[in-house]
């Protein structure tokens, strides 16, 4: 005797919806993360440029009165060699020679030609401003590596936050889908207990979309109940008709 082949496992609405929601959350989170990454990269770059301008404005009054010497507070930082400040600075004279600089600034001038405003030097993003009336120039700069690291930290934190929010929304929607599908399981349980008696009916549905199913099942149950009543009546009449000749 051959065994019947097992029935294939049917696809699950809940699992299919869960996969769709998870995929949508990941895709939308990745898109938002990419947008946040690009926007943060641009905004952080502008913010770092503004920091260079602010630093130059703070340093200019301190360095402008000096004719070749550096104030003691700046001299200490310029010779400490710590290199922990978020920017570096140079004072360049008219001939393009560096007369003073911070510990993390190179000995060679970022620009031997006097430049006012932003410019790019090898490995540096710099801002220049005139210093006094002797033709000196103050340059304040940040390394490309520092700026890249700052942009990366901000953009990465924003992107990860966007992805985390997308995943949390996916989990919440998955719970809501499970709750909304619960009436289907309850409908199945009620169908198992139905006994086709005239007084038995599924009644009102718990969701608007399920009401046509309830109405169809109730109508089918009533028709089957009437047919069973007719068959019982016919069986009783036939039995009576058969008993009379036999008697």
Protein backbone atom coordinates (compact mmCIF):
# COMPACT_ATOMS: atom_id res chain seq x y z
CA UNK A 1 0.00 0.00 0.00
CA UNK A 2 1.50 3.28 -1.07
CA UNK A 3 1.57 6.10 1.37
CA UNK A 4 -0.11 9.34 0.41
CA UNK A 5 2.26 12.11 -0.45
CA UNK A 6 2.42 14.77 2.26
CA UNK A 7 0.57 17.96 1.46
CA UNK A 8 2.85 20.86 0.58
CA UNK A 9 3.18 23.50 3.23
CA UNK A 10 1.03 26.47 2.36
CA UNK A 11 2.46 29.98 2.43
CA UNK A 12 1.67 32.00 5.53
CA UNK A 13 0.08 35.44 5.20
CA UNK A 14 1.71 36.53 8.45
CA UNK A 15 5.18 35.42 7.39
CA UNK A 16 4.82 36.94 3.94
CA UNK A 17 3.69 40.26 5.37
CA UNK A 18 6.46 40.14 7.97
CA UNK A 19 9.08 39.62 5.26
CA UNK A 20 7.63 42.43 3.17
CA UNK A 21 7.59 44.78 6.15
CA UNK A 22 11.14 43.87 7.13
CA UNK A 23 12.40 44.35 3.58
CA UNK A 24 10.55 47.65 3.26
CA UNK A 25 11.94 48.85 6.59
CA UNK A 26 15.50 47.93 5.61
CA UNK A 27 15.15 49.51 2.16
CA UNK A 28 13.56 52.71 3.46
CA UNK A 29 16.01 52.86 6.36
CA UNK A 30 18.92 52.48 3.95
CA UNK A 31 17.50 55.22 1.71
CA UNK A 32 17.00 57.57 4.66
CA UNK A 33 20.45 56.67 5.98
CA UNK A 34 21.98 57.52 2.61
CA UNK A 35 20.16 60.84 2.51
CA UNK A 36 21.22 61.62 6.08
CA UNK A 37 24.79 60.65 5.20
CA UNK A 38 24.94 63.03 2.24
CA UNK A 39 23.26 65.88 4.09
CA UNK A 40 25.37 65.43 7.21
CA UNK A 41 28.53 65.31 5.12
CA UNK A 42 27.66 68.66 3.53
CA UNK A 43 26.47 70.32 6.74
CA UNK A 44 29.47 69.15 8.79
CA UNK A 45 31.83 70.41 6.11
CA UNK A 46 30.21 73.85 6.30
CA UNK A 47 30.31 73.78 10.09
CA UNK A 48 34.02 72.96 10.08
CA UNK A 49 34.65 75.84 7.68
CA UNK A 50 32.80 78.16 10.05
CA UNK A 51 34.99 76.84 12.87
CA UNK A 52 38.09 77.85 10.92
CA UNK A 53 36.69 81.35 10.42
CA UNK A 54 35.82 81.66 14.12
CA UNK A 55 39.27 80.42 15.13
CA UNK A 56 40.91 82.99 12.85
CA UNK A 57 38.76 85.74 14.35
CA UNK A 58 39.81 84.72 17.85
CA UNK A 59 43.52 84.43 17.01
CA UNK A 60 43.81 87.62 14.95
CA UNK A 61 43.56 90.10 17.88
CA UNK A 62 46.11 88.06 19.84
CA UNK A 63 48.67 87.89 17.04
CA UNK A 64 48.11 91.19 15.23
CA UNK A 65 49.96 93.50 17.72
CA UNK A 66 53.12 91.39 17.65
CA UNK A 67 55.82 92.13 15.14
CA UNK A 68 57.47 88.75 15.21
CA UNK A 69 56.90 87.38 18.66
CA UNK A 70 54.06 85.21 19.89
CA UNK A 71 52.13 85.84 23.13
CA UNK A 72 53.13 83.57 25.98
CA UNK A 73 49.82 81.66 26.00
CA UNK A 74 50.11 80.88 22.32
CA UNK A 75 53.83 80.20 22.53
CA UNK A 76 53.22 77.53 25.15
CA UNK A 77 50.74 75.76 22.91
CA UNK A 78 52.96 76.27 19.87
CA UNK A 79 55.94 74.52 21.49
CA UNK A 80 54.14 71.92 23.59
CA UNK A 81 53.98 69.41 20.74
CA UNK A 82 50.70 67.99 22.01
CA UNK A 83 48.93 68.41 18.67
CA UNK A 84 45.55 67.84 20.32
CA UNK A 85 43.89 71.07 19.16
CA UNK A 86 41.21 70.63 16.48
CA UNK A 87 43.00 73.06 14.17
CA UNK A 88 46.48 74.38 13.38
CA UNK A 89 47.65 77.91 12.60
CA UNK A 90 50.54 79.71 10.95
CA UNK A 91 51.68 83.31 10.72
CA UNK A 92 53.36 83.95 7.35
CA UNK A 93 55.20 87.18 6.55
CA UNK A 94 55.23 89.10 3.29
CA UNK A 95 58.06 86.94 1.90
CA UNK A 96 56.15 83.71 2.51
CA UNK A 97 58.20 82.65 5.54
CA UNK A 98 56.52 81.08 8.59
CA UNK A 99 57.25 83.31 11.59
CA UNK A 100 55.10 81.41 14.10
CA UNK A 101 52.95 78.34 14.08
CA UNK A 102 51.18 75.90 16.38
CA UNK A 103 52.71 72.59 17.35
CA UNK A 104 50.60 70.61 14.89
CA UNK A 105 51.25 72.94 11.94
CA UNK A 106 54.03 72.27 9.41
CA UNK A 107 57.15 74.43 9.20
CA UNK A 108 56.48 75.21 5.55
CA UNK A 109 53.79 77.75 4.75
CA UNK A 110 50.52 76.39 3.46
CA UNK A 111 50.68 79.11 0.83
CA UNK A 112 53.65 81.33 -0.04
CA UNK A 113 51.26 83.58 -1.93
CA UNK A 114 48.99 85.66 0.24
CA UNK A 115 45.46 84.19 0.16
CA UNK A 116 42.43 85.60 1.93
CA UNK A 117 39.62 83.11 2.34
CA UNK A 118 39.37 79.35 1.99
CA UNK A 119 41.79 77.27 -0.03
CA UNK A 120 43.06 73.71 -0.18
CA UNK A 121 46.64 72.80 0.63
CA UNK A 122 48.06 69.28 0.34
CA UNK A 123 46.34 67.36 3.16
CA UNK A 124 44.82 70.54 4.66
CA UNK A 125 41.75 72.74 4.43
CA UNK A 126 42.87 76.28 5.27
CA UNK A 127 41.49 79.77 5.76
CA UNK A 128 43.61 82.89 5.43
CA UNK A 129 43.11 86.40 6.73
CA UNK A 130 45.29 89.51 6.79
CA UNK A 131 47.12 90.11 10.05
CA UNK A 132 48.10 93.69 10.83
CA UNK A 133 49.58 96.19 8.39
CA UNK A 134 53.00 94.52 7.89
CA UNK A 135 51.78 92.21 5.15
CA UNK A 136 51.52 89.20 7.42
CA UNK A 137 48.84 86.55 6.95
CA UNK A 138 47.25 84.27 9.50
CA UNK A 139 46.34 80.82 8.23
CA UNK A 140 44.11 78.50 10.24
CA UNK A 141 43.69 74.96 8.94
CA UNK A 142 42.44 71.46 9.66
CA UNK A 143 43.82 68.24 8.27
CA UNK A 144 41.75 66.37 5.73
CA UNK A 145 41.87 63.34 8.00
CA UNK A 146 40.32 65.23 10.93
CA UNK A 147 37.55 66.62 8.74
CA UNK A 148 36.89 63.23 7.20
CA UNK A 149 36.74 61.63 10.65
CA UNK A 150 34.30 64.27 11.92
CA UNK A 151 32.04 63.87 8.89
CA UNK A 152 32.19 60.10 9.21
CA UNK A 153 31.21 60.13 12.88
CA UNK A 154 28.23 62.44 12.35
CA UNK A 155 27.03 60.75 9.18
CA UNK A 156 27.47 57.25 10.61
CA UNK A 157 25.56 58.07 13.79
CA UNK A 158 22.73 59.59 11.74
CA UNK A 159 22.62 56.65 9.34
CA UNK A 160 22.61 54.08 12.15
CA UNK A 161 19.86 56.00 13.92
CA UNK A 162 17.76 55.97 10.76
CA UNK A 163 18.29 52.22 10.33
CA UNK A 164 17.45 51.58 13.99
CA UNK A 165 14.22 53.56 13.71
CA UNK A 166 13.31 51.62 10.55
CA UNK A 167 13.85 48.28 12.29
CA UNK A 168 11.84 49.37 15.34
CA UNK A 169 8.99 50.47 13.08
CA UNK A 170 9.19 47.10 11.32
CA UNK A 171 8.91 45.24 14.62
CA UNK A 172 5.97 47.40 15.68
CA UNK A 173 4.20 46.83 12.36
CA UNK A 174 4.86 43.11 12.63
CA UNK A 175 3.10 43.09 16.00
CA UNK A 176 0.20 45.06 14.56
CA UNK A 177 -0.12 42.61 11.65
CA UNK A 178 -0.22 39.70 14.08
CA UNK A 179 -2.95 41.45 16.09
CA UNK A 180 -5.00 42.22 12.97
CA UNK A 181 -4.76 38.61 11.77
CA UNK A 182 -5.96 37.26 15.12
CA UNK A 183 -9.67 37.49 14.09
CA UNK A 184 -8.93 35.00 11.30
CA UNK A 185 -7.77 32.46 13.86
CA UNK A 186 -10.85 33.17 15.98
CA UNK A 187 -13.06 32.70 12.91
CA UNK A 188 -11.40 29.32 12.31
CA UNK A 189 -12.06 28.28 15.92
CA UNK A 190 -15.73 29.28 15.64
CA UNK A 191 -16.12 27.34 12.39
CA UNK A 192 -14.79 24.21 14.10
CA UNK A 193 -17.50 24.48 16.79
CA UNK A 194 -20.45 25.11 14.44
CA UNK A 195 -23.03 22.26 14.47
CA UNK A 196 -25.48 23.31 11.70
CA UNK A 197 -28.41 23.70 14.08
CA UNK A 198 -30.92 26.46 13.30
CA UNK A 199 -29.88 28.38 16.40
CA UNK A 200 -26.18 28.27 15.51
CA UNK A 201 -24.71 31.27 13.70
CA UNK A 202 -21.34 32.97 13.52
CA UNK A 203 -22.95 36.34 14.10
CA UNK A 204 -21.26 39.69 13.72
CA UNK A 205 -17.64 39.75 12.58
CA UNK A 206 -14.85 41.42 14.53
CA UNK A 207 -13.53 43.15 11.41
CA UNK A 208 -15.45 44.79 8.58
CA UNK A 209 -13.58 42.76 5.96
CA UNK A 210 -14.69 39.50 7.60
CA UNK A 211 -18.40 40.31 7.71
CA UNK A 212 -19.09 38.95 4.17
CA UNK A 213 -17.41 35.69 5.20
CA UNK A 214 -19.61 35.47 8.31
CA UNK A 215 -22.74 36.18 6.25
CA UNK A 216 -21.82 33.56 3.64
CA UNK A 217 -21.08 30.91 6.29
CA UNK A 218 -24.34 31.67 8.14
CA UNK A 219 -26.31 31.45 4.89
CA UNK A 220 -24.63 28.15 4.01
CA UNK A 221 -25.29 26.81 7.50
CA UNK A 222 -29.00 27.71 7.22
CA UNK A 223 -29.33 25.98 3.83
CA UNK A 224 -27.56 22.88 5.10
CA UNK A 225 -29.74 22.86 8.20
CA UNK A 226 -32.91 23.03 6.07
CA UNK A 227 -31.63 20.23 3.86
CA UNK A 228 -30.87 18.09 6.90
CA UNK A 229 -34.39 18.77 8.22
CA UNK A 230 -35.88 17.69 4.88
CA UNK A 231 -33.73 14.55 4.83
CA UNK A 232 -34.76 13.69 8.40
CA UNK A 233 -38.43 14.19 7.53
CA UNK A 234 -38.06 12.08 4.39
CA UNK A 235 -36.26 9.34 6.33
CA UNK A 236 -39.00 9.29 8.98
CA UNK A 237 -41.76 9.12 6.33
CA UNK A 238 -39.95 6.38 4.42
CA UNK A 239 -39.43 4.34 7.58
CA UNK A 240 -43.11 4.66 8.44
CA UNK A 241 -44.09 3.69 4.91
CA UNK A 242 -41.86 0.61 5.04
CA UNK A 243 -43.04 -0.48 8.50
CA UNK A 244 -46.73 -0.56 7.49
CA UNK A 245 -46.46 -3.27 4.75
CA UNK A 246 -44.07 -5.28 6.87
CA UNK A 247 -46.50 -5.18 9.78
